[in-house]
Amino acid sequence: GDGRRQSLCGVWRVAALRAAVDRLTVERGGELSGAPVRALLAGLVVRELPWSGDGPPPWFDCDTDEDVRRAEEWAR
């Protein structure tokens, strides 16, 4: 909603993700533990789709108590 890409809310091609995992594994010397998702997705072709609708956006994330209250309201 604020223009930032939410990569965790997406549909990804399996072959592209496997290639990205292989690339990142090599870049990190065989260790993926702690690697950021943005590093995994770097270089992938991304097509962004707009969303509009009632209720929470598909990427809504509960980071605060207020966020949880809002999500509970939407769920009712």
C-alpha atoms as a PDB file:
ATOM      1  CA  GLY A   1       0.000   0.000   0.000  1.00  0.00           C
ATOM      2  CA  ASP A   2       2.861   2.421   0.609  1.00  0.00           C
ATOM      3  CA  GLY A   3       4.834   1.485  -2.499  1.00  0.00           C
ATOM      4  CA  ARG A   4       7.249  -0.979  -0.925  1.00  0.00           C
ATOM      5  CA  ARG A   5       7.454  -4.403  -2.516  1.00  0.00           C
ATOM      6  CA  GLN A   6       6.334  -7.225  -0.218  1.00  0.00           C
ATOM      7  CA  SER A   7       8.303 -10.194  -1.529  1.00  0.00           C
ATOM      8  CA  LEU A   8       6.907 -12.720   0.940  1.00  0.00           C
ATOM      9  CA  CYS A   9       3.459 -12.290  -0.580  1.00  0.00           C
ATOM     10  CA  GLY A  10       4.117 -13.652  -4.026  1.00  0.00           C
ATOM     11  CA  VAL A  11       3.988 -16.458  -6.512  1.00  0.00           C
ATOM     12  CA  TRP A  12       7.384 -17.586  -7.706  1.00  0.00           C
ATOM     13  CA  ARG A  13       8.502 -19.977 -10.435  1.00  0.00           C
ATOM     14  CA  VAL A  14      10.074 -23.070  -8.876  1.00  0.00           C
ATOM     15  CA  ALA A  15      12.921 -23.260 -11.398  1.00  0.00           C
ATOM     16  CA  ALA A  16      13.822 -19.608 -10.797  1.00  0.00           C
ATOM     17  CA  LEU A  17      13.817 -20.111  -7.021  1.00  0.00           C
ATOM     18  CA  ARG A  18      15.965 -23.240  -7.274  1.00  0.00           C
ATOM     19  CA  ALA A  19      18.486 -21.350  -9.412  1.00  0.00           C
ATOM     20  CA  ALA A  20      18.431 -18.479  -6.900  1.00  0.00           C
ATOM     21  CA  VAL A  21      19.039 -20.901  -4.005  1.00  0.00           C
ATOM     22  CA  ASP A  22      21.976 -22.421  -5.878  1.00  0.00           C
ATOM     23  CA  ARG A  23      23.415 -18.964  -6.631  1.00  0.00           C
ATOM     24  CA  LEU A  24      23.018 -17.758  -3.063  1.00  0.00           C
ATOM     25  CA  THR A  25      24.519 -20.977  -1.684  1.00  0.00           C
ATOM     26  CA  VAL A  26      27.647 -20.405  -3.755  1.00  0.00           C
ATOM     27  CA  GLU A  27      27.797 -16.694  -2.855  1.00  0.00           C
ATOM     28  CA  ARG A  28      27.588 -17.530   0.859  1.00  0.00           C
ATOM     29  CA  GLY A  29      30.140 -20.326   0.784  1.00  0.00           C
ATOM     30  CA  GLY A  30      27.585 -23.103   1.136  1.00  0.00           C
ATOM     31  CA  GLU A  31      25.731 -21.608   4.132  1.00  0.00           C
ATOM     32  CA  LEU A  32      22.190 -20.259   3.733  1.00  0.00           C
ATOM     33  CA  SER A  33      21.394 -19.872   7.421  1.00  0.00           C
ATOM     34  CA  GLY A  34      20.537 -16.250   8.160  1.00  0.00           C
ATOM     35  CA  ALA A  35      20.433 -15.195   4.516  1.00  0.00           C
ATOM     36  CA  PRO A  36      17.859 -12.464   3.839  1.00  0.00           C
ATOM     37  CA  VAL A  37      14.980 -13.211   1.494  1.00  0.00           C
ATOM     38  CA  ARG A  38      15.862 -10.113  -0.512  1.00  0.00           C
ATOM     39  CA  ALA A  39      19.262 -11.714  -1.277  1.00  0.00           C
ATOM     40  CA  LEU A  40      17.494 -14.858  -2.474  1.00  0.00           C
ATOM     41  CA  LEU A  41      15.175 -12.889  -4.740  1.00  0.00           C
ATOM     42  CA  ALA A  42      17.840 -10.484  -6.050  1.00  0.00           C
ATOM     43  CA  GLY A  43      18.052 -10.751  -9.804  1.00  0.00           C
ATOM     44  CA  LEU A  44      14.696 -12.463 -10.292  1.00  0.00           C
ATOM     45  CA  VAL A  45      12.287 -10.884 -12.724  1.00  0.00           C
ATOM     46  CA  VAL A  46       9.323  -9.565 -10.743  1.00  0.00           C
ATOM     47  CA  ARG A  47       5.953  -8.532 -12.079  1.00  0.00           C
ATOM     48  CA  GLU A  48       4.022  -6.467  -9.564  1.00  0.00           C
ATOM     49  CA  LEU A  49       0.261  -6.607  -9.451  1.00  0.00           C
ATOM     50  CA  PRO A  50      -1.908  -3.957  -7.836  1.00  0.00           C
ATOM     51  CA  TRP A  51      -4.379  -4.904  -5.142  1.00  0.00           C
ATOM     52  CA  SER A  52      -7.548  -3.161  -4.089  1.00  0.00           C
ATOM     53  CA  GLY A  53     -10.353  -4.443  -1.981  1.00  0.00           C
ATOM     54  CA  ASP A  54     -12.064  -4.405   1.372  1.00  0.00           C
ATOM     55  CA  GLY A  55     -10.361  -5.635   4.492  1.00  0.00           C
ATOM     56  CA  PRO A  56      -6.717  -6.346   4.991  1.00  0.00           C
ATOM     57  CA  PRO A  57      -4.318  -6.359   2.071  1.00  0.00           C
ATOM     58  CA  PRO A  58      -2.807  -9.791   1.385  1.00  0.00           C
ATOM     59  CA  TRP A  59       0.559  -8.589   2.721  1.00  0.00           C
ATOM     60  CA  PHE A  60      -0.767  -7.301   6.053  1.00  0.00           C
ATOM     61  CA  ASP A  61       1.782  -8.027   8.762  1.00  0.00           C
ATOM     62  CA  CYS A  62       1.118  -7.943  12.505  1.00  0.00           C
ATOM     63  CA  ASP A  63       4.123  -6.272  14.129  1.00  0.00           C
ATOM     64  CA  THR A  64       2.357  -4.426  16.948  1.00  0.00           C
ATOM     65  CA  ASP A  65      -0.565  -4.955  19.309  1.00  0.00           C
ATOM     66  CA  GLU A  66      -2.507  -2.415  17.248  1.00  0.00           C
ATOM     67  CA  ASP A  67      -1.845  -4.465  14.096  1.00  0.00           C
ATOM     68  CA  VAL A  68      -3.217  -7.567  15.842  1.00  0.00           C
ATOM     69  CA  ARG A  69      -6.350  -5.651  16.911  1.00  0.00           C
ATOM     70  CA  ARG A  70      -6.886  -4.468  13.316  1.00  0.00           C
ATOM     71  CA  ALA A  71      -6.470  -8.020  11.992  1.00  0.00           C
ATOM     72  CA  GLU A  72      -8.969  -9.320  14.555  1.00  0.00           C
ATOM     73  CA  GLU A  73     -11.463  -6.648  13.472  1.00  0.00           C
ATOM     74  CA  TRP A  74     -11.080  -7.679   9.821  1.00  0.00           C
ATOM     75  CA  ALA A  75     -11.528 -11.356  10.750  1.00  0.00           C
ATOM     76  CA  ARG A  76     -14.930 -10.764  12.338  1.00  0.00           C
END
